[in-house]
N, C-alpha and C. Protein backbone atom coordinates (compact mmCIF):
# COMPACT_ATOMS: atom_id res chain seq x y z
N MET A 1 0.44 -0.74 -0.46
CA MET A 1 -0.03 -0.25 -0.13
C MET A 1 1.23 1.42 0.15
N ILE A 2 1.76 1.58 1.18
CA ILE A 2 2.48 2.97 1.60
C ILE A 2 3.62 2.47 0.26
N ASP A 3 5.20 3.10 0.26
CA ASP A 3 6.05 2.61 -0.29
C ASP A 3 6.64 2.41 0.92
N LYS A 4 7.85 1.87 1.35
CA LYS A 4 8.46 1.32 2.34
C LYS A 4 9.26 2.87 2.46
N GLU A 5 10.11 2.73 1.25
CA GLU A 5 10.41 4.19 1.53
C GLU A 5 10.44 5.83 1.63
N LEU A 6 8.81 5.32 1.19
CA LEU A 6 8.21 6.84 1.60
C LEU A 6 7.82 6.55 2.87
N LEU A 7 7.25 5.28 3.76
CA LEU A 7 7.50 5.11 5.02
C LEU A 7 8.38 5.51 6.04
N GLU A 8 9.71 5.94 5.46
CA GLU A 8 11.27 6.28 6.24
C GLU A 8 11.44 7.21 6.05
N ILE A 9 10.99 8.32 5.65
CA ILE A 9 11.17 9.62 5.27
C ILE A 9 9.90 10.71 5.72
N LEU A 10 9.10 9.94 6.29
CA LEU A 10 7.73 10.68 6.31
C LEU A 10 8.71 10.78 8.55
N ALA A 11 7.60 12.20 8.67
CA ALA A 11 7.42 12.38 10.02
C ALA A 11 6.02 12.54 10.28
N CYS A 12 5.60 12.50 11.46
CA CYS A 12 4.30 13.74 12.37
C CYS A 12 4.66 15.04 12.33
N PRO A 13 3.96 15.29 11.29
CA PRO A 13 3.87 17.15 10.92
C PRO A 13 3.68 17.74 12.32
N LYS A 14 3.14 17.37 13.39
CA LYS A 14 2.81 17.97 14.62
C LYS A 14 4.63 17.91 15.70
N CYS A 15 4.68 16.56 15.74
CA CYS A 15 5.60 16.41 16.58
C CYS A 15 7.36 16.27 16.15
N LYS A 16 6.61 16.03 15.29
CA LYS A 16 8.47 15.58 14.13
C LYS A 16 8.89 14.13 14.52
N SER A 17 8.49 13.58 14.78
CA SER A 17 8.77 11.59 15.40
C SER A 17 8.22 11.19 14.38
N GLU A 18 8.92 9.79 14.07
CA GLU A 18 8.67 8.77 13.38
C GLU A 18 7.42 7.95 13.54
N VAL A 19 6.99 7.64 11.92
CA VAL A 19 5.42 7.12 11.91
C VAL A 19 5.60 5.55 11.58
N ARG A 20 4.76 4.67 11.40
CA ARG A 20 4.38 3.17 11.31
C ARG A 20 3.07 3.44 11.21
N LEU A 21 2.81 2.21 9.89
CA LEU A 21 2.01 2.03 8.94
C LEU A 21 1.35 0.93 9.51
N ASP A 22 -0.47 1.43 10.18
CA ASP A 22 -1.44 0.38 10.26
C ASP A 22 -2.07 0.03 9.53
N GLU A 23 -1.29 -0.90 8.66
CA GLU A 23 -2.22 -1.68 7.17
C GLU A 23 -3.72 -2.25 7.29
N ALA A 24 -3.87 -2.65 8.68
CA ALA A 24 -5.49 -3.02 8.50
C ALA A 24 -6.09 -1.69 8.74
N ALA A 25 -5.77 -1.27 9.76
CA ALA A 25 -6.97 0.31 9.90
C ALA A 25 -6.76 1.61 8.47
N GLN A 26 -5.57 1.18 7.62
CA GLN A 26 -5.22 2.12 6.81
C GLN A 26 -5.00 3.08 7.18
N ARG A 27 -3.52 3.89 8.11
CA ARG A 27 -4.10 4.71 8.84
C ARG A 27 -2.25 4.54 9.13
N ILE A 28 -2.32 5.97 9.50
CA ILE A 28 0.32 6.17 9.41
C ILE A 28 -0.06 6.24 10.73
N ILE A 29 0.45 5.88 11.59
CA ILE A 29 0.41 6.94 13.34
C ILE A 29 1.62 7.31 14.47
N CYS A 30 1.90 7.92 14.36
CA CYS A 30 3.01 8.83 15.00
C CYS A 30 3.19 8.05 16.40
N THR A 31 4.64 7.97 16.37
CA THR A 31 5.44 6.28 17.89
C THR A 31 5.87 7.31 19.08
N SER A 32 5.31 8.64 18.55
CA SER A 32 5.55 9.68 20.11
C SER A 32 4.69 8.84 20.93
N PRO A 33 5.38 9.13 22.22
CA PRO A 33 3.88 8.15 23.28
C PRO A 33 3.39 9.24 23.78
N THR A 34 3.70 10.64 23.59
CA THR A 34 2.83 11.76 24.48
C THR A 34 2.46 12.50 23.08
N CYS A 35 2.47 12.52 21.69
CA CYS A 35 1.69 12.36 20.87
C CYS A 35 0.59 11.65 20.28
N GLY A 36 1.34 10.29 19.61
CA GLY A 36 0.49 9.59 18.76
C GLY A 36 -0.28 9.64 17.70
N LEU A 37 -0.86 10.77 17.00
CA LEU A 37 -2.21 11.00 16.49
C LEU A 37 -1.68 9.92 15.10
N ARG A 38 -3.05 9.88 14.23
CA ARG A 38 -3.36 8.94 13.65
C ARG A 38 -3.79 9.56 11.90
N TYR A 39 -3.07 9.27 11.30
CA TYR A 39 -3.31 10.14 9.67
C TYR A 39 -3.89 8.97 9.23
N PRO A 40 -4.81 9.36 8.38
CA PRO A 40 -5.16 8.48 7.55
C PRO A 40 -4.69 8.39 6.48
N ILE A 41 -5.08 7.41 5.46
CA ILE A 41 -4.72 6.61 4.24
C ILE A 41 -5.56 6.89 3.25
N ARG A 42 -6.17 7.57 2.34
CA ARG A 42 -6.80 7.99 1.37
C ARG A 42 -6.67 7.76 0.27
N ASP A 43 -7.22 6.71 -0.91
CA ASP A 43 -6.88 5.83 -1.88
C ASP A 43 -5.27 5.89 -2.16
N GLY A 44 -4.64 5.09 -0.88
CA GLY A 44 -3.40 5.19 -1.31
C GLY A 44 -2.36 6.18 -0.72
N ILE A 45 -2.71 7.09 -0.39
CA ILE A 45 -2.16 8.88 -0.13
C ILE A 45 -2.26 9.00 1.34
N PRO A 46 -0.63 9.16 1.82
CA PRO A 46 -1.46 10.09 3.29
C PRO A 46 -1.95 10.80 3.56
N VAL A 47 -2.78 11.59 4.06
CA VAL A 47 -2.83 12.63 4.97
C VAL A 47 -1.93 13.30 6.16
N MET A 48 -1.42 13.89 5.66
CA MET A 48 -0.88 14.15 6.75
C MET A 48 -0.89 15.80 7.37
N LEU A 49 -1.76 15.49 7.61
CA LEU A 49 -2.45 17.13 8.06
C LEU A 49 -2.78 16.99 9.43
N ILE A 50 -2.77 17.73 10.08
CA ILE A 50 -2.91 17.88 11.93
C ILE A 50 -4.62 18.09 12.24
N ASP A 51 -4.87 18.87 11.23
CA ASP A 51 -6.53 18.42 10.86
C ASP A 51 -7.41 17.55 10.73
N GLU A 52 -6.57 16.64 10.24
CA GLU A 52 -6.88 15.91 9.19
C GLU A 52 -6.85 14.65 10.36
N ALA A 53 -6.10 14.21 11.13
CA ALA A 53 -5.34 13.19 11.95
C ALA A 53 -6.62 13.10 13.26
N GLU A 54 -6.44 11.82 13.68
CA GLU A 54 -7.01 11.21 15.07
C GLU A 54 -6.06 11.12 16.08
N ALA A 55 -6.76 11.78 17.13
CA ALA A 55 -6.02 11.61 18.64
C ALA A 55 -6.18 10.64 18.70
N PRO A 56 -4.81 9.34 19.53
CA PRO A 56 -5.06 8.77 20.20
C PRO A 56 -5.66 8.30 21.15
N THR A 57 -6.96 7.04 20.99
CA THR A 57 -7.90 6.51 22.55
C THR A 57 -6.97 5.70 23.30
N SER A 58 -7.62 6.24 24.45
CA SER A 58 -7.20 6.24 25.96
C SER A 58 -7.97 4.66 25.95
N ALA A 59 -6.89 3.75 26.50
CA ALA A 59 -7.33 2.26 27.09
C ALA A 59 -7.59 2.39 28.63
């Protein structure tokens, strides 16, 4: 779905941390424990806009 090389250069626009791919949910997730925003992937394109991101859910 998302090219591995692209994923390696992407960073969270809010906190600049690394991101990881969640293929099952079709989203990119910030790896920072203090941020954790989840960015949607639409039509194979990651939407890396803070306004479009979902906040992490607390468990």
